Amino acid sequence: MSDTVSEPREARPWRPEDGPHPVVWSWPPGDRPAFWVWSRGAWRWSAVRARQDWPDGRTAYQVLIDLDGSTAVMARTYWWPHEGLMPAHRSSVQPSTGPGWRDSRPSSTSAP
């Protein structure tokens, strides 16, 4: 099967001419889903950072991935569905569109 799999298509960043912004969903750092991503002839593990639901119905996933096995991890955004992306595991929580997952520490303006 892997001989015929193509690498997933990267999604470019949103631009004003694209119309409304996509809705961006994220998961808490300790409970993110993951994908296997086909890259340079091998399936590579990637943690999902965010899902983008575009107004035209397309979906893109931003992942953290080591593309070549060198241990250099980088962010990439890929269109879903694609044969070069396979779910590896799901999160046990629903994603959020709010800023709450970014940092669990109280802000300097929050009440004690």
PDB file of N, CA and C in Angstrom:
ATOM      1  N   MET A   1       0.813  -1.189   0.000  1.00  0.00           N
ATOM      2  CA  MET A   1       0.000   0.000   0.000  1.00  0.00           C
ATOM      3  C   MET A   1       0.862   1.260   0.000  1.00  0.00           C
ATOM      4  N   SER A   2       1.919   1.301   0.768  1.00  0.00           N
ATOM      5  CA  SER A   2       2.737   2.492   0.899  1.00  0.00           C
ATOM      6  C   SER A   2       3.411   2.888  -0.401  1.00  0.00           C
ATOM      7  N   ASP A   3       3.606   1.953  -1.331  1.00  0.00           N
ATOM      8  CA  ASP A   3       4.256   2.281  -2.597  1.00  0.00           C
ATOM      9  C   ASP A   3       3.408   3.230  -3.432  1.00  0.00           C
ATOM     10  N   THR A   4       2.102   3.233  -3.231  1.00  0.00           N
ATOM     11  CA  THR A   4       1.218   4.061  -4.047  1.00  0.00           C
ATOM     12  C   THR A   4       0.677   5.277  -3.303  1.00  0.00           C
ATOM     13  N   VAL A   5       1.073   5.488  -2.075  1.00  0.00           N
ATOM     14  CA  VAL A   5       0.588   6.616  -1.292  1.00  0.00           C
ATOM     15  C   VAL A   5       1.335   7.881  -1.702  1.00  0.00           C
ATOM     16  N   SER A   6       0.591   8.958  -1.889  1.00  0.00           N
ATOM     17  CA  SER A   6       1.243  10.235  -2.194  1.00  0.00           C
ATOM     18  C   SER A   6       1.333  11.074  -0.923  1.00  0.00           C
ATOM     19  N   GLU A   7       2.292  11.976  -0.897  1.00  0.00           N
ATOM     20  CA  GLU A   7       2.442  12.851   0.266  1.00  0.00           C
ATOM     21  C   GLU A   7       1.246  13.792   0.348  1.00  0.00           C
ATOM     22  N   PRO A   8       0.816  14.129   1.555  1.00  0.00           N
ATOM     23  CA  PRO A   8      -0.359  14.996   1.689  1.00  0.00           C
ATOM     24  C   PRO A   8      -0.104  16.396   1.130  1.00  0.00           C
ATOM     25  N   ARG A   9      -1.197  17.044   0.744  1.00  0.00           N
ATOM     26  CA  ARG A   9      -1.109  18.386   0.178  1.00  0.00           C
ATOM     27  C   ARG A   9      -1.074  19.420   1.298  1.00  0.00           C
ATOM     28  N   GLU A  10      -0.082  20.303   1.255  1.00  0.00           N
ATOM     29  CA  GLU A  10       0.000  21.364   2.259  1.00  0.00           C
ATOM     30  C   GLU A  10      -1.035  22.440   1.962  1.00  0.00           C
ATOM     31  N   ALA A  11      -1.643  22.945   3.026  1.00  0.00           N
ATOM     32  CA  ALA A  11      -2.589  24.052   2.923  1.00  0.00           C
ATOM     33  C   ALA A  11      -1.830  25.351   3.163  1.00  0.00           C
ATOM     34  N   ARG A  12      -2.042  26.316   2.315  1.00  0.00           N
ATOM     35  CA  ARG A  12      -1.391  27.604   2.517  1.00  0.00           C
ATOM     36  C   ARG A  12      -2.159  28.386   3.584  1.00  0.00           C
ATOM     37  N   PRO A  13      -1.523  29.382   4.187  1.00  0.00           N
ATOM     38  CA  PRO A  13      -2.215  30.197   5.186  1.00  0.00           C
ATOM     39  C   PRO A  13      -3.405  30.948   4.579  1.00  0.00           C
ATOM     40  N   TRP A  14      -4.375  31.270   5.421  1.00  0.00           N
ATOM     41  CA  TRP A  14      -5.530  32.057   5.008  1.00  0.00           C
ATOM     42  C   TRP A  14      -5.071  33.430   4.521  1.00  0.00           C
ATOM     43  N   ARG A  15      -5.764  33.959   3.523  1.00  0.00           N
ATOM     44  CA  ARG A  15      -5.513  35.310   3.008  1.00  0.00           C
ATOM     45  C   ARG A  15      -6.833  36.073   2.975  1.00  0.00           C
ATOM     46  N   PRO A  16      -6.803  37.394   3.083  1.00  0.00           N
ATOM     47  CA  PRO A  16      -8.051  38.174   3.052  1.00  0.00           C
ATOM     48  C   PRO A  16      -8.919  37.882   1.829  1.00  0.00           C
ATOM     49  N   GLU A  17      -8.292  37.618   0.682  1.00  0.00           N
ATOM     50  CA  GLU A  17      -9.085  37.334  -0.523  1.00  0.00           C
ATOM     51  C   GLU A  17      -9.796  35.975  -0.455  1.00  0.00           C
ATOM     52  N   ASP A  18      -9.478  35.165   0.564  1.00  0.00           N
ATOM     53  CA  ASP A  18     -10.162  33.883   0.749  1.00  0.00           C
ATOM     54  C   ASP A  18     -11.564  34.056   1.340  1.00  0.00           C
ATOM     55  N   GLY A  19     -11.874  35.267   1.811  1.00  0.00           N
ATOM     56  CA  GLY A  19     -13.177  35.499   2.440  1.00  0.00           C
ATOM     57  C   GLY A  19     -13.064  35.334   3.939  1.00  0.00           C
ATOM     58  N   PRO A  20     -14.154  34.855   4.572  1.00  0.00           N
ATOM     59  CA  PRO A  20     -14.140  34.719   6.036  1.00  0.00           C
ATOM     60  C   PRO A  20     -13.023  33.787   6.526  1.00  0.00           C
ATOM     61  N   HIS A  21     -12.507  34.097   7.715  1.00  0.00           N
ATOM     62  CA  HIS A  21     -11.475  33.256   8.336  1.00  0.00           C
ATOM     63  C   HIS A  21     -12.017  31.850   8.587  1.00  0.00           C
ATOM     64  N   PRO A  22     -11.147  30.847   8.533  1.00  0.00           N
ATOM     65  CA  PRO A  22     -11.575  29.515   8.972  1.00  0.00           C
ATOM     66  C   PRO A  22     -11.760  29.513  10.489  1.00  0.00           C
ATOM     67  N   VAL A  23     -12.603  28.620  10.972  1.00  0.00           N
ATOM     68  CA  VAL A  23     -12.746  28.422  12.414  1.00  0.00           C
ATOM     69  C   VAL A  23     -11.613  27.496  12.833  1.00  0.00           C
ATOM     70  N   VAL A  24     -10.854  27.913  13.841  1.00  0.00           N
ATOM     71  CA  VAL A  24      -9.692  27.139  14.291  1.00  0.00           C
ATOM     72  C   VAL A  24     -10.013  26.479  15.623  1.00  0.00           C
ATOM     73  N   TRP A  25      -9.827  25.174  15.682  1.00  0.00           N
ATOM     74  CA  TRP A  25     -10.076  24.361  16.865  1.00  0.00           C
ATOM     75  C   TRP A  25      -8.751  23.858  17.408  1.00  0.00           C
ATOM     76  N   SER A  26      -8.632  23.775  18.734  1.00  0.00           N
ATOM     77  CA  SER A  26      -7.405  23.221  19.323  1.00  0.00           C
ATOM     78  C   SER A  26      -7.741  22.339  20.510  1.00  0.00           C
ATOM     79  N   TRP A  27      -6.749  21.548  20.910  1.00  0.00           N
ATOM     80  CA  TRP A  27      -6.881  20.619  22.020  1.00  0.00           C
ATOM     81  C   TRP A  27      -5.878  20.993  23.097  1.00  0.00           C
ATOM     82  N   PRO A  28      -6.102  20.553  24.336  1.00  0.00           N
ATOM     83  CA  PRO A  28      -5.122  20.853  25.389  1.00  0.00           C
ATOM     84  C   PRO A  28      -3.809  20.110  25.107  1.00  0.00           C
ATOM     85  N   PRO A  29      -2.684  20.703  25.485  1.00  0.00           N
ATOM     86  CA  PRO A  29      -1.375  20.107  25.168  1.00  0.00           C
ATOM     87  C   PRO A  29      -1.199  18.652  25.576  1.00  0.00           C
ATOM     88  N   GLY A  30      -1.759  18.223  26.671  1.00  0.00           N
ATOM     89  CA  GLY A  30      -1.550  16.846  27.106  1.00  0.00           C
ATOM     90  C   GLY A  30      -2.509  15.841  26.514  1.00  0.00           C
ATOM     91  N   ASP A  31      -3.442  16.287  25.654  1.00  0.00           N
ATOM     92  CA  ASP A  31      -4.461  15.372  25.140  1.00  0.00           C
ATOM     93  C   ASP A  31      -4.812  15.698  23.686  1.00  0.00           C
ATOM     94  N   ARG A  32      -3.794  15.795  22.857  1.00  0.00           N
ATOM     95  CA  ARG A  32      -4.006  16.099  21.446  1.00  0.00           C
ATOM     96  C   ARG A  32      -4.152  14.821  20.639  1.00  0.00           C
ATOM     97  N   PRO A  33      -4.951  14.870  19.576  1.00  0.00           N
ATOM     98  CA  PRO A  33      -4.978  13.723  18.662  1.00  0.00           C
ATOM     99  C   PRO A  33      -3.666  13.663  17.877  1.00  0.00           C
ATOM    100  N   ALA A  34      -3.516  12.617  17.088  1.00  0.00           N
ATOM    101  CA  ALA A  34      -2.295  12.466  16.285  1.00  0.00           C
ATOM    102  C   ALA A  34      -2.632  11.817  14.950  1.00  0.00           C
ATOM    103  N   PHE A  35      -1.778  12.064  13.977  1.00  0.00           N
ATOM    104  CA  PHE A  35      -1.861  11.452  12.654  1.00  0.00           C
ATOM    105  C   PHE A  35      -0.560  10.745  12.347  1.00  0.00           C
ATOM    106  N   TRP A  36      -0.660   9.741  11.500  1.00  0.00           N
ATOM    107  CA  TRP A  36       0.496   9.235  10.767  1.00  0.00           C
ATOM    108  C   TRP A  36       0.499  10.006   9.462  1.00  0.00           C
ATOM    109  N   VAL A  37       1.648  10.576   9.084  1.00  0.00           N
ATOM    110  CA  VAL A  37       1.779  11.363   7.857  1.00  0.00           C
ATOM    111  C   VAL A  37       2.812  10.688   6.961  1.00  0.00           C
ATOM    112  N   TRP A  38       2.441  10.458   5.706  1.00  0.00           N
ATOM    113  CA  TRP A  38       3.366   9.860   4.742  1.00  0.00           C
ATOM    114  C   TRP A  38       4.331  10.941   4.272  1.00  0.00           C
ATOM    115  N   SER A  39       5.628  10.781   4.558  1.00  0.00           N
ATOM    116  CA  SER A  39       6.629  11.774   4.185  1.00  0.00           C
ATOM    117  C   SER A  39       7.936  11.086   3.823  1.00  0.00           C
ATOM    118  N   ARG A  40       8.420  11.366   2.648  1.00  0.00           N
ATOM    119  CA  ARG A  40       9.710  10.859   2.177  1.00  0.00           C
ATOM    120  C   ARG A  40       9.833   9.339   2.311  1.00  0.00           C
ATOM    121  N   GLY A  41       8.763   8.663   1.930  1.00  0.00           N
ATOM    122  CA  GLY A  41       8.792   7.206   1.879  1.00  0.00           C
ATOM    123  C   GLY A  41       8.518   6.478   3.180  1.00  0.00           C
ATOM    124  N   ALA A  42       8.061   7.185   4.218  1.00  0.00           N
ATOM    125  CA  ALA A  42       7.782   6.531   5.501  1.00  0.00           C
ATOM    126  C   ALA A  42       6.591   7.198   6.183  1.00  0.00           C
ATOM    127  N   TRP A  43       5.889   6.417   7.019  1.00  0.00           N
ATOM    128  CA  TRP A  43       4.828   6.977   7.853  1.00  0.00           C
ATOM    129  C   TRP A  43       5.484   7.610   9.070  1.00  0.00           C
ATOM    130  N   ARG A  44       5.166   8.876   9.332  1.00  0.00           N
ATOM    131  CA  ARG A  44       5.766   9.617  10.437  1.00  0.00           C
ATOM    132  C   ARG A  44       4.679  10.090  11.393  1.00  0.00           C
ATOM    133  N   TRP A  45       4.939   9.914  12.676  1.00  0.00           N
ATOM    134  CA  TRP A  45       4.015  10.316  13.743  1.00  0.00           C
ATOM    135  C   TRP A  45       3.946  11.834  13.810  1.00  0.00           C
ATOM    136  N   SER A  46       2.750  12.383  14.003  1.00  0.00           N
ATOM    137  CA  SER A  46       2.616  13.833  14.147  1.00  0.00           C
ATOM    138  C   SER A  46       1.512  14.165  15.141  1.00  0.00           C
ATOM    139  N   ALA A  47       1.792  15.078  16.045  1.00  0.00           N
ATOM    140  CA  ALA A  47       0.789  15.560  16.995  1.00  0.00           C
ATOM    141  C   ALA A  47      -0.006  16.682  16.336  1.00  0.00           C
ATOM    142  N   VAL A  48      -1.318  16.644  16.501  1.00  0.00           N
ATOM    143  CA  VAL A  48      -2.174  17.682  15.928  1.00  0.00           C
ATOM    144  C   VAL A  48      -2.158  18.906  16.832  1.00  0.00           C
ATOM    145  N   ARG A  49      -1.890  20.062  16.267  1.00  0.00           N
ATOM    146  CA  ARG A  49      -1.948  21.328  17.017  1.00  0.00           C
ATOM    147  C   ARG A  49      -3.309  21.986  16.859  1.00  0.00           C
ATOM    148  N   ALA A  50      -3.883  21.903  15.638  1.00  0.00           N
ATOM    149  CA  ALA A  50      -5.151  22.590  15.396  1.00  0.00           C
ATOM    150  C   ALA A  50      -5.850  22.011  14.177  1.00  0.00           C
ATOM    151  N   ARG A  51      -7.164  22.200  14.157  1.00  0.00           N
ATOM    152  CA  ARG A  51      -7.982  21.877  12.980  1.00  0.00           C
ATOM    153  C   ARG A  51      -8.574  23.187  12.478  1.00  0.00           C
ATOM    154  N   GLN A  52      -8.545  23.385  11.178  1.00  0.00           N
ATOM    155  CA  GLN A  52      -9.141  24.574  10.573  1.00  0.00           C
ATOM    156  C   GLN A  52     -10.329  24.150   9.732  1.00  0.00           C
ATOM    157  N   ASP A  53     -11.505  24.685  10.060  1.00  0.00           N
ATOM    158  CA  ASP A  53     -12.709  24.437   9.266  1.00  0.00           C
ATOM    159  C   ASP A  53     -12.965  25.677   8.416  1.00  0.00           C
ATOM    160  N   TRP A  54     -12.715  25.549   7.120  1.00  0.00           N
ATOM    161  CA  TRP A  54     -12.842  26.674   6.202  1.00  0.00           C
ATOM    162  C   TRP A  54     -14.301  26.857   5.801  1.00  0.00           C
ATOM    163  N   PRO A  55     -14.724  28.101   5.561  1.00  0.00           N
ATOM    164  CA  PRO A  55     -16.121  28.367   5.211  1.00  0.00           C
ATOM    165  C   PRO A  55     -16.602  27.634   3.957  1.00  0.00           C
ATOM    166  N   ASP A  56     -15.690  27.288   3.048  1.00  0.00           N
ATOM    167  CA  ASP A  56     -16.093  26.578   1.824  1.00  0.00           C
ATOM    168  C   ASP A  56     -16.238  25.069   2.036  1.00  0.00           C
ATOM    169  N   GLY A  57     -16.074  24.604   3.297  1.00  0.00           N
ATOM    170  CA  GLY A  57     -16.268  23.187   3.610  1.00  0.00           C
ATOM    171  C   GLY A  57     -14.991  22.378   3.705  1.00  0.00           C
ATOM    172  N   ARG A  58     -13.852  22.967   3.341  1.00  0.00           N
ATOM    173  CA  ARG A  58     -12.587  22.230   3.447  1.00  0.00           C
ATOM    174  C   ARG A  58     -12.113  22.190   4.895  1.00  0.00           C
ATOM    175  N   THR A  59     -11.301  21.178   5.207  1.00  0.00           N
ATOM    176  CA  THR A  59     -10.709  21.028   6.535  1.00  0.00           C
ATOM    177  C   THR A  59      -9.209  20.844   6.384  1.00  0.00           C
ATOM    178  N   ALA A  60      -8.467  21.527   7.256  1.00  0.00           N
ATOM    179  CA  ALA A  60      -7.014  21.383   7.275  1.00  0.00           C
ATOM    180  C   ALA A  60      -6.583  21.102   8.713  1.00  0.00           C
ATOM    181  N   TYR A  61      -5.530  20.310   8.864  1.00  0.00           N
ATOM    182  CA  TYR A  61      -4.966  20.019  10.178  1.00  0.00           C
ATOM    183  C   TYR A  61      -3.543  20.539  10.241  1.00  0.00           C
ATOM    184  N   GLN A  62      -3.248  21.284  11.319  1.00  0.00           N
ATOM    185  CA  GLN A  62      -1.874  21.715  11.571  1.00  0.00           C
ATOM    186  C   GLN A  62      -1.252  20.689  12.505  1.00  0.00           C
ATOM    187  N   VAL A  63      -0.099  20.157  12.111  1.00  0.00           N
ATOM    188  CA  VAL A  63       0.569  19.122  12.894  1.00  0.00           C
ATOM    189  C   VAL A  63       2.015  19.510  13.181  1.00  0.00           C
ATOM    190  N   LEU A  64       2.578  18.904  14.204  1.00  0.00           N
ATOM    191  CA  LEU A  64       4.007  18.997  14.497  1.00  0.00           C
ATOM    192  C   LEU A  64       4.622  17.683  14.029  1.00  0.00           C
ATOM    193  N   ILE A  65       5.600  17.775  13.136  1.00  0.00           N
ATOM    194  CA  ILE A  65       6.113  16.558  12.503  1.00  0.00           C
ATOM    195  C   ILE A  65       7.606  16.645  12.216  1.00  0.00           C
ATOM    196  N   ASP A  66       8.258  15.505  12.334  1.00  0.00           N
ATOM    197  CA  ASP A  66       9.640  15.313  11.886  1.00  0.00           C
ATOM    198  C   ASP A  66       9.521  14.720  10.483  1.00  0.00           C
ATOM    199  N   LEU A  67       9.718  15.524   9.453  1.00  0.00           N
ATOM    200  CA  LEU A  67       9.461  15.103   8.074  1.00  0.00           C
ATOM    201  C   LEU A  67      10.444  14.090   7.516  1.00  0.00           C
ATOM    202  N   ASP A  68      11.664  14.059   8.062  1.00  0.00           N
ATOM    203  CA  ASP A  68      12.686  13.211   7.439  1.00  0.00           C
ATOM    204  C   ASP A  68      13.413  12.277   8.400  1.00  0.00           C
ATOM    205  N   GLY A  69      12.949  12.189   9.637  1.00  0.00           N
ATOM    206  CA  GLY A  69      13.604  11.302  10.586  1.00  0.00           C
ATOM    207  C   GLY A  69      14.817  11.904  11.266  1.00  0.00           C
ATOM    208  N   SER A  70      15.052  13.195  11.083  1.00  0.00           N
ATOM    209  CA  SER A  70      16.228  13.848  11.662  1.00  0.00           C
ATOM    210  C   SER A  70      15.996  14.356  13.082  1.00  0.00           C
ATOM    211  N   THR A  71      14.799  14.241  13.576  1.00  0.00           N
ATOM    212  CA  THR A  71      14.307  14.736  14.875  1.00  0.00           C
ATOM    213  C   THR A  71      14.068  16.245  14.892  1.00  0.00           C
ATOM    214  N   ALA A  72      14.185  16.916  13.751  1.00  0.00           N
ATOM    215  CA  ALA A  72      13.833  18.334  13.658  1.00  0.00           C
ATOM    216  C   ALA A  72      12.326  18.423  13.425  1.00  0.00           C
ATOM    217  N   VAL A  73      11.599  18.874  14.438  1.00  0.00           N
ATOM    218  CA  VAL A  73      10.141  18.928  14.366  1.00  0.00           C
ATOM    219  C   VAL A  73       9.708  20.308  13.889  1.00  0.00           C
ATOM    220  N   MET A  74       8.753  20.324  12.952  1.00  0.00           N
ATOM    221  CA  MET A  74       8.249  21.589  12.427  1.00  0.00           C
ATOM    222  C   MET A  74       6.742  21.513  12.252  1.00  0.00           C
ATOM    223  N   ALA A  75       6.116  22.663  12.157  1.00  0.00           N
ATOM    224  CA  ALA A  75       4.670  22.725  11.941  1.00  0.00           C
ATOM    225  C   ALA A  75       4.383  22.689  10.446  1.00  0.00           C
ATOM    226  N   ARG A  76       3.401  21.890  10.083  1.00  0.00           N
ATOM    227  CA  ARG A  76       2.900  21.830   8.712  1.00  0.00           C
ATOM    228  C   ARG A  76       1.378  21.746   8.792  1.00  0.00           C
ATOM    229  N   THR A  77       0.711  22.292   7.779  1.00  0.00           N
ATOM    230  CA  THR A  77      -0.754  22.236   7.708  1.00  0.00           C
ATOM    231  C   THR A  77      -1.137  21.493   6.441  1.00  0.00           C
ATOM    232  N   TYR A  78      -1.973  20.458   6.594  1.00  0.00           N
ATOM    233  CA  TYR A  78      -2.353  19.595   5.475  1.00  0.00           C
ATOM    234  C   TYR A  78      -3.862  19.561   5.311  1.00  0.00           C
ATOM    235  N   TRP A  79      -4.297  19.463   4.034  1.00  0.00           N
ATOM    236  CA  TRP A  79      -5.721  19.309   3.741  1.00  0.00           C
ATOM    237  C   TRP A  79      -6.180  17.894   4.081  1.00  0.00           C
ATOM    238  N   TRP A  80      -7.363  17.812   4.641  1.00  0.00           N
ATOM    239  CA  TRP A  80      -8.006  16.546   4.998  1.00  0.00           C
ATOM    240  C   TRP A  80      -9.299  16.445   4.217  1.00  0.00           C
ATOM    241  N   PRO A  81      -9.688  15.291   3.731  1.00  0.00           N
ATOM    242  CA  PRO A  81      -8.980  14.009   3.819  1.00  0.00           C
ATOM    243  C   PRO A  81      -7.907  13.887   2.743  1.00  0.00           C
ATOM    244  N   HIS A  82      -6.967  12.993   3.006  1.00  0.00           N
ATOM    245  CA  HIS A  82      -5.909  12.676   2.048  1.00  0.00           C
ATOM    246  C   HIS A  82      -5.342  11.312   2.400  1.00  0.00           C
ATOM    247  N   GLU A  83      -4.975  10.535   1.376  1.00  0.00           N
ATOM    248  CA  GLU A  83      -4.446   9.185   1.620  1.00  0.00           C
ATOM    249  C   GLU A  83      -3.136   9.198   2.391  1.00  0.00           C
ATOM    250  N   GLY A  84      -2.426  10.330   2.377  1.00  0.00           N
ATOM    251  CA  GLY A  84      -1.160  10.439   3.086  1.00  0.00           C
ATOM    252  C   GLY A  84      -1.303  10.849   4.543  1.00  0.00           C
ATOM    253  N   LEU A  85      -2.545  10.900   5.035  1.00  0.00           N
ATOM    254  CA  LEU A  85      -2.819  11.183   6.455  1.00  0.00           C
ATOM    255  C   LEU A  85      -3.685  10.068   7.008  1.00  0.00           C
ATOM    256  N   MET A  86      -3.240   9.455   8.099  1.00  0.00           N
ATOM    257  CA  MET A  86      -4.018   8.407   8.770  1.00  0.00           C
ATOM    258  C   MET A  86      -4.136   8.750  10.244  1.00  0.00           C
ATOM    259  N   PRO A  87      -5.361   8.749  10.786  1.00  0.00           N
ATOM    260  CA  PRO A  87      -5.474   8.995  12.229  1.00  0.00           C
ATOM    261  C   PRO A  87      -4.687   7.952  13.013  1.00  0.00           C
ATOM    262  N   ALA A  88      -3.907   8.420  13.985  1.00  0.00           N
ATOM    263  CA  ALA A  88      -3.131   7.526  14.841  1.00  0.00           C
ATOM    264  C   ALA A  88      -3.846   7.312  16.170  1.00  0.00           C
ATOM    265  N   HIS A  89      -4.361   8.385  16.741  1.00  0.00           N
ATOM    266  CA  HIS A  89      -5.209   8.262  17.928  1.00  0.00           C
ATOM    267  C   HIS A  89      -6.031   9.523  18.104  1.00  0.00           C
ATOM    268  N   ARG A  90      -7.113   9.384  18.846  1.00  0.00           N
ATOM    269  CA  ARG A  90      -8.021  10.506  19.089  1.00  0.00           C
ATOM    270  C   ARG A  90      -7.754  11.103  20.457  1.00  0.00           C
ATOM    271  N   SER A  91      -8.243  12.320  20.640  1.00  0.00           N
ATOM    272  CA  SER A  91      -8.192  12.958  21.949  1.00  0.00           C
ATOM    273  C   SER A  91      -9.381  12.469  22.769  1.00  0.00           C
ATOM    274  N   SER A  92      -9.266  12.521  24.069  1.00  0.00           N
ATOM    275  CA  SER A  92     -10.397  12.141  24.925  1.00  0.00           C
ATOM    276  C   SER A  92     -11.297  13.338  25.231  1.00  0.00           C
ATOM    277  N   VAL A  93     -10.923  14.522  24.742  1.00  0.00           N
ATOM    278  CA  VAL A  93     -11.729  15.727  24.970  1.00  0.00           C
ATOM    279  C   VAL A  93     -12.106  16.350  23.640  1.00  0.00           C
ATOM    280  N   GLN A  94     -13.169  17.149  23.666  1.00  0.00           N
ATOM    281  CA  GLN A  94     -13.589  17.880  22.486  1.00  0.00           C
ATOM    282  C   GLN A  94     -12.678  19.096  22.295  1.00  0.00           C
ATOM    283  N   PRO A  95     -12.399  19.483  21.056  1.00  0.00           N
ATOM    284  CA  PRO A  95     -11.572  20.666  20.833  1.00  0.00           C
ATOM    285  C   PRO A  95     -12.323  21.938  21.203  1.00  0.00           C
ATOM    286  N   SER A  96     -11.587  23.019  21.327  1.00  0.00           N
ATOM    287  CA  SER A  96     -12.146  24.314  21.694  1.00  0.00           C
ATOM    288  C   SER A  96     -11.745  25.360  20.660  1.00  0.00           C
ATOM    289  N   THR A  97     -12.603  26.352  20.463  1.00  0.00           N
ATOM    290  CA  THR A  97     -12.242  27.472  19.594  1.00  0.00           C
ATOM    291  C   THR A  97     -11.772  28.661  20.414  1.00  0.00           C
ATOM    292  N   GLY A  98     -11.795  28.536  21.728  1.00  0.00           N
ATOM    293  CA  GLY A  98     -11.389  29.628  22.604  1.00  0.00           C
ATOM    294  C   GLY A  98      -9.911  29.596  22.907  1.00  0.00           C
ATOM    295  N   PRO A  99      -9.422  30.618  23.580  1.00  0.00           N
ATOM    296  CA  PRO A  99      -7.992  30.711  23.884  1.00  0.00           C
ATOM    297  C   PRO A  99      -7.575  29.902  25.107  1.00  0.00           C
ATOM    298  N   GLY A 100      -8.483  29.220  25.777  1.00  0.00           N
ATOM    299  CA  GLY A 100      -8.197  28.572  27.052  1.00  0.00           C
ATOM    300  C   GLY A 100      -7.144  27.505  27.046  1.00  0.00           C
ATOM    301  N   TRP A 101      -6.896  26.835  25.913  1.00  0.00           N
ATOM    302  CA  TRP A 101      -5.928  25.739  25.885  1.00  0.00           C
ATOM    303  C   TRP A 101      -4.505  26.226  25.774  1.00  0.00           C
ATOM    304  N   ARG A 102      -4.283  27.459  25.423  1.00  0.00           N
ATOM    305  CA  ARG A 102      -2.924  27.936  25.141  1.00  0.00           C
ATOM    306  C   ARG A 102      -2.017  27.879  26.363  1.00  0.00           C
ATOM    307  N   ASP A 103      -2.571  28.251  27.515  1.00  0.00           N
ATOM    308  CA  ASP A 103      -1.733  28.313  28.710  1.00  0.00           C
ATOM    309  C   ASP A 103      -2.639  28.148  29.917  1.00  0.00           C
ATOM    310  N   SER A 104      -2.341  27.220  30.775  1.00  0.00           N
ATOM    311  CA  SER A 104      -3.204  26.976  31.922  1.00  0.00           C
ATOM    312  C   SER A 104      -2.840  27.812  33.134  1.00  0.00           C
ATOM    313  N   ARG A 105      -1.758  28.601  33.028  1.00  0.00           N
ATOM    314  CA  ARG A 105      -1.378  29.440  34.150  1.00  0.00           C
ATOM    315  C   ARG A 105      -2.313  30.646  34.247  1.00  0.00           C
ATOM    316  N   PRO A 106      -2.606  31.119  35.443  1.00  0.00           N
ATOM    317  CA  PRO A 106      -3.454  32.306  35.541  1.00  0.00           C
ATOM    318  C   PRO A 106      -2.737  33.517  34.977  1.00  0.00           C
ATOM    319  N   SER A 107      -3.509  34.403  34.366  1.00  0.00           N
ATOM    320  CA  SER A 107      -2.890  35.622  33.843  1.00  0.00           C
ATOM    321  C   SER A 107      -2.670  36.609  34.982  1.00  0.00           C
ATOM    322  N   SER A 108      -1.876  37.627  34.719  1.00  0.00           N
ATOM    323  CA  SER A 108      -1.577  38.617  35.753  1.00  0.00           C
ATOM    324  C   SER A 108      -2.803  39.459  36.093  1.00  0.00           C
ATOM    325  N   THR A 109      -3.833  39.413  35.241  1.00  0.00           N
ATOM    326  CA  THR A 109      -5.036  40.205  35.512  1.00  0.00           C
ATOM    327  C   THR A 109      -6.134  39.385  36.165  1.00  0.00           C
ATOM    328  N   SER A 110      -5.926  38.083  36.327  1.00  0.00           N
ATOM    329  CA  SER A 110      -6.985  37.263  36.915  1.00  0.00           C
ATOM    330  C   SER A 110      -6.982  37.394  38.429  1.00  0.00           C
ATOM    331  N   ALA A 111      -8.158  37.207  38.999  1.00  0.00           N
ATOM    332  CA  ALA A 111      -8.307  37.302  40.456  1.00  0.00           C
ATOM    333  C   ALA A 111      -7.641  36.099  41.118  1.00  0.00           C
ATOM    334  N   PRO A 112      -7.094  36.281  42.330  1.00  0.00           N
ATOM    335  CA  PRO A 112      -6.437  35.153  43.014  1.00  0.00           C
ATOM    336  C   PRO A 112      -7.434  34.106  43.435  1.00  0.00           C
TER     337      PRO A 112
END
